[in-house]
C-alpha atoms as a PDB file:
ATOM      1  CA  MET A   1     -12.887  -4.947  -2.501  1.00  0.00           C
ATOM      2  CA  ALA A   2     -15.310  -2.794  -4.382  1.00  0.00           C
ATOM      3  CA  HIS A   3     -13.814   0.073  -6.348  1.00  0.00           C
ATOM      4  CA  ALA A   4     -16.325   2.295  -4.543  1.00  0.00           C
ATOM      5  CA  ARG A   5     -14.651   1.672  -1.153  1.00  0.00           C
ATOM      6  CA  ALA A   6     -11.381   3.071  -2.449  1.00  0.00           C
ATOM      7  CA  PHE A   7     -13.000   6.141  -3.963  1.00  0.00           C
ATOM      8  CA  ASP A   8     -15.662   6.890  -1.356  1.00  0.00           C
ATOM      9  CA  GLY A   9     -16.541  10.572  -1.592  1.00  0.00           C
ATOM     10  CA  GLN A  10     -14.097  11.213  -4.447  1.00  0.00           C
ATOM     11  CA  GLY A  11     -16.377  10.921  -7.437  1.00  0.00           C
ATOM     12  CA  ARG A  12     -18.166   8.102  -9.206  1.00  0.00           C
ATOM     13  CA  ALA A  13     -16.734   4.640  -8.761  1.00  0.00           C
ATOM     14  CA  TRP A  14     -16.711   2.334 -11.754  1.00  0.00           C
ATOM     15  CA  ARG A  15     -19.512  -0.185 -12.190  1.00  0.00           C
ATOM     16  CA  ALA A  16     -18.848  -3.929 -12.368  1.00  0.00           C
ATOM     17  CA  GLN A  17     -19.839  -3.987 -16.044  1.00  0.00           C
ATOM     18  CA  GLU A  18     -17.226  -1.342 -16.840  1.00  0.00           C
ATOM     19  CA  PHE A  19     -14.539  -3.554 -15.299  1.00  0.00           C
ATOM     20  CA  ALA A  20     -15.859  -6.612 -17.133  1.00  0.00           C
ATOM     21  CA  ASP A  21     -15.814  -4.777 -20.466  1.00  0.00           C
ATOM     22  CA  LEU A  22     -12.242  -3.567 -19.957  1.00  0.00           C
ATOM     23  CA  LEU A  23     -10.969  -6.939 -18.784  1.00  0.00           C
ATOM     24  CA  ALA A  24     -12.530  -8.624 -21.825  1.00  0.00           C
ATOM     25  CA  THR A  25     -10.114  -6.773 -24.118  1.00  0.00           C
ATOM     26  CA  PRO A  26      -6.602  -8.085 -24.792  1.00  0.00           C
ATOM     27  CA  HIS A  27      -5.063  -4.655 -24.189  1.00  0.00           C
ATOM     28  CA  VAL A  28      -5.957  -4.336 -20.501  1.00  0.00           C
ATOM     29  CA  ALA A  29      -3.817  -5.762 -17.711  1.00  0.00           C
ATOM     30  CA  LEU A  30      -4.899  -6.293 -14.113  1.00  0.00           C
ATOM     31  CA  THR A  31      -2.236  -6.312 -11.387  1.00  0.00           C
ATOM     32  CA  GLY A  32      -2.636  -6.692  -7.649  1.00  0.00           C
ATOM     33  CA  ASP A  33      -5.203  -8.475  -5.537  1.00  0.00           C
ATOM     34  CA  ALA A  34      -8.606  -7.963  -3.938  1.00  0.00           C
ATOM     35  CA  MET A  35      -7.255  -5.333  -1.523  1.00  0.00           C
ATOM     36  CA  CYS A  36      -5.208  -3.271  -3.979  1.00  0.00           C
ATOM     37  CA  PHE A  37      -5.226  -3.412  -7.761  1.00  0.00           C
ATOM     38  CA  ALA A  38      -4.427  -1.484 -10.914  1.00  0.00           C
ATOM     39  CA  LEU A  39      -5.843  -1.609 -14.426  1.00  0.00           C
ATOM     40  CA  THR A  40      -3.577  -0.577 -17.270  1.00  0.00           C
ATOM     41  CA  ARG A  41      -4.368  -0.340 -20.976  1.00  0.00           C
ATOM     42  CA  ILE A  42      -1.388  -1.048 -23.256  1.00  0.00           C
ATOM     43  CA  VAL A  43      -1.671  -0.269 -26.978  1.00  0.00           C
ATOM     44  CA  ALA A  44       0.865   0.552 -29.705  1.00  0.00           C
ATOM     45  CA  GLY A  45       3.825   1.198 -27.417  1.00  0.00           C
ATOM     46  CA  GLU A  46       1.908   3.373 -24.947  1.00  0.00           C
ATOM     47  CA  ALA A  47       0.209   2.553 -21.671  1.00  0.00           C
ATOM     48  CA  GLU A  48      -2.428   4.314 -19.625  1.00  0.00           C
ATOM     49  CA  LEU A  49      -2.972   3.675 -15.950  1.00  0.00           C
ATOM     50  CA  LEU A  50      -6.773   3.534 -15.922  1.00  0.00           C
ATOM     51  CA  THR A  51      -7.223   3.140 -12.186  1.00  0.00           C
ATOM     52  CA  ILE A  52      -5.389   2.124  -9.066  1.00  0.00           C
ATOM     53  CA  ALA A  53      -7.386   1.402  -5.931  1.00  0.00           C
ATOM     54  CA  THR A  54      -6.453   0.444  -2.380  1.00  0.00           C
ATOM     55  CA  ASP A  55      -8.976  -0.663   0.202  1.00  0.00           C
ATOM     56  CA  PRO A  56      -9.068   2.013   2.936  1.00  0.00           C
ATOM     57  CA  GLU A  57      -8.213  -0.595   5.591  1.00  0.00           C
ATOM     58  CA  CYS A  58      -4.953  -1.387   3.773  1.00  0.00           C
ATOM     59  CA  ARG A  59      -3.631   2.082   3.122  1.00  0.00           C
ATOM     60  CA  ARG A  60      -0.162   3.133   4.285  1.00  0.00           C
ATOM     61  CA  GLU A  61       1.146  -0.425   3.807  1.00  0.00           C
ATOM     62  CA  ALA A  62       3.002   0.282   0.516  1.00  0.00           C
ATOM     63  CA  ARG A  63       0.489  -1.818  -1.429  1.00  0.00           C
ATOM     64  CA  GLY A  64      -0.152   0.991  -3.903  1.00  0.00           C
ATOM     65  CA  ARG A  65       3.572   1.382  -4.545  1.00  0.00           C
ATOM     66  CA  SER A  66       3.921  -2.361  -5.137  1.00  0.00           C
ATOM     67  CA  VAL A  67       0.910  -2.597  -7.452  1.00  0.00           C
ATOM     68  CA  LEU A  68       2.055   0.454  -9.414  1.00  0.00           C
ATOM     69  CA  SER A  69       5.509  -1.060  -9.792  1.00  0.00           C
ATOM     70  CA  ASP A  70       3.953  -4.306 -11.062  1.00  0.00           C
ATOM     71  CA  ALA A  71       1.735  -2.375 -13.501  1.00  0.00           C
ATOM     72  CA  LEU A  72       4.765  -0.512 -14.878  1.00  0.00           C
ATOM     73  CA  ALA A  73       6.645  -3.801 -15.314  1.00  0.00           C
ATOM     74  CA  VAL A  74       3.717  -5.434 -17.131  1.00  0.00           C
ATOM     75  CA  ALA A  75       3.318  -2.425 -19.427  1.00  0.00           C
ATOM     76  CA  ALA A  76       7.033  -2.476 -20.273  1.00  0.00           C
ATOM     77  CA  ALA A  77       6.967  -6.255 -20.840  1.00  0.00           C
ATOM     78  CA  ARG A  78       4.101  -5.757 -23.305  1.00  0.00           C
ATOM     79  CA  GLY A  79       6.130  -3.222 -25.277  1.00  0.00           C
ATOM     80  CA  ALA A  80       5.057   0.124 -23.830  1.00  0.00           C
ATOM     81  CA  THR A  81       7.771   2.766 -23.717  1.00  0.00           C
ATOM     82  CA  ARG A  82       5.685   5.495 -22.036  1.00  0.00           C
ATOM     83  CA  ILE A  83       2.806   5.487 -19.569  1.00  0.00           C
ATOM     84  CA  PHE A  84       0.195   8.144 -18.888  1.00  0.00           C
ATOM     85  CA  LEU A  85      -2.363   8.762 -16.146  1.00  0.00           C
ATOM     86  CA  GLU A  86      -4.632  11.412 -14.748  1.00  0.00           C
ATOM     87  CA  VAL A  87      -5.294  12.165 -11.102  1.00  0.00           C
ATOM     88  CA  ALA A  88      -7.527  14.620  -9.301  1.00  0.00           C
ATOM     89  CA  ALA A  89      -5.801  17.723  -8.002  1.00  0.00           C
ATOM     90  CA  GLY A  90      -5.935  17.531  -4.234  1.00  0.00           C
ATOM     91  CA  ASN A  91      -5.441  13.750  -4.133  1.00  0.00           C
ATOM     92  CA  ASP A  92      -2.192  14.240  -2.256  1.00  0.00           C
ATOM     93  CA  ALA A  93      -1.579  10.553  -1.510  1.00  0.00           C
ATOM     94  CA  ALA A  94      -1.870   9.583  -5.172  1.00  0.00           C
ATOM     95  CA  LEU A  95       0.237  12.541  -6.308  1.00  0.00           C
ATOM     96  CA  ALA A  96       2.982  11.590  -3.847  1.00  0.00           C
ATOM     97  CA  LEU A  97       2.884   7.986  -5.105  1.00  0.00           C
ATOM     98  CA  TYR A  98       3.121   9.030  -8.740  1.00  0.00           C
ATOM     99  CA  HIS A  99       5.879  11.583  -8.165  1.00  0.00           C
ATOM    100  CA  ALA A 100       7.888   8.988  -6.213  1.00  0.00           C
ATOM    101  CA  ALA A 101       7.473   6.604  -9.171  1.00  0.00           C
ATOM    102  CA  GLY A 102       8.944   9.165 -11.574  1.00  0.00           C
ATOM    103  CA  PHE A 103       5.797  10.631 -13.123  1.00  0.00           C
ATOM    104  CA  VAL A 104       5.813  14.312 -14.067  1.00  0.00           C
ATOM    105  CA  GLU A 105       2.906  16.638 -14.734  1.00  0.00           C
ATOM    106  CA  THR A 106       2.252  17.165 -18.437  1.00  0.00           C
ATOM    107  CA  GLY A 107      -0.979  19.185 -18.312  1.00  0.00           C
ATOM    108  CA  ARG A 108      -4.297  19.895 -16.606  1.00  0.00           C
ATOM    109  CA  ARG A 109      -7.975  19.619 -17.402  1.00  0.00           C
ATOM    110  CA  ALA A 110      -9.750  22.346 -15.471  1.00  0.00           C
ATOM    111  CA  GLY A 111     -12.825  21.272 -13.516  1.00  0.00           C
ATOM    112  CA  TYR A 112     -12.698  17.744 -14.935  1.00  0.00           C
ATOM    113  CA  TYR A 113     -13.814  15.783 -11.861  1.00  0.00           C
ATOM    114  CA  LYS A 114     -17.345  16.636 -10.752  1.00  0.00           C
ATOM    115  CA  ARG A 115     -18.064  16.088  -7.064  1.00  0.00           C
ATOM    116  CA  ASP A 116     -21.361  16.154  -5.200  1.00  0.00           C
ATOM    117  CA  GLY A 117     -21.473  19.217  -2.973  1.00  0.00           C
ATOM    118  CA  ASP A 118     -17.879  20.241  -3.721  1.00  0.00           C
ATOM    119  CA  PRO A 119     -16.371  22.342  -6.486  1.00  0.00           C
ATOM    120  CA  PRO A 120     -15.023  20.372  -9.450  1.00  0.00           C
ATOM    121  CA  ALA A 121     -11.378  19.278  -9.236  1.00  0.00           C
ATOM    122  CA  ASP A 122      -8.819  19.654 -11.995  1.00  0.00           C
ATOM    123  CA  ALA A 123      -7.397  16.528 -13.585  1.00  0.00           C
ATOM    124  CA  ILE A 124      -3.606  16.521 -13.490  1.00  0.00           C
ATOM    125  CA  MET A 125      -2.166  14.705 -16.485  1.00  0.00           C
ATOM    126  CA  MET A 126       1.082  12.853 -15.767  1.00  0.00           C
ATOM    127  CA  ALA A 127       3.500  10.657 -17.706  1.00  0.00           C
ATOM    128  CA  ARG A 128       6.809   8.882 -17.479  1.00  0.00           C
ATOM    129  CA  ASP A 129       9.025   6.810 -19.734  1.00  0.00           C
ATOM    130  CA  LEU A 130       9.363   3.077 -19.224  1.00  0.00           C
ATOM    131  CA  PRO A 131      12.629   1.200 -19.487  1.00  0.00           C
END
């Protein structure tokens, strides 16, 4: 699955070289499969969910929940005690997923996500502790 399929119309998808560069570092973990995956960066006891993407044909099958759970487990196993992420305001499916997983809003970046033909969306910053 191309990252672009998961984010069609919701901003710029990442390029293949961006994924390759991230995956070449020892601090980035990939969880999931070709239809749903997450990238997490884990450094110095903290983790950041860089992206989570589900192919549109596989949505509403709990794949995102499973991949997020795996990403949290990998981050904790690598020593992270807290994980952070950002999500576009208005991305109700992602917000519901993150709230259900115990994330809470910690701040906002006004107008952070630029969108062709639409007003910019705020970035909602979220975090949660890891066991």
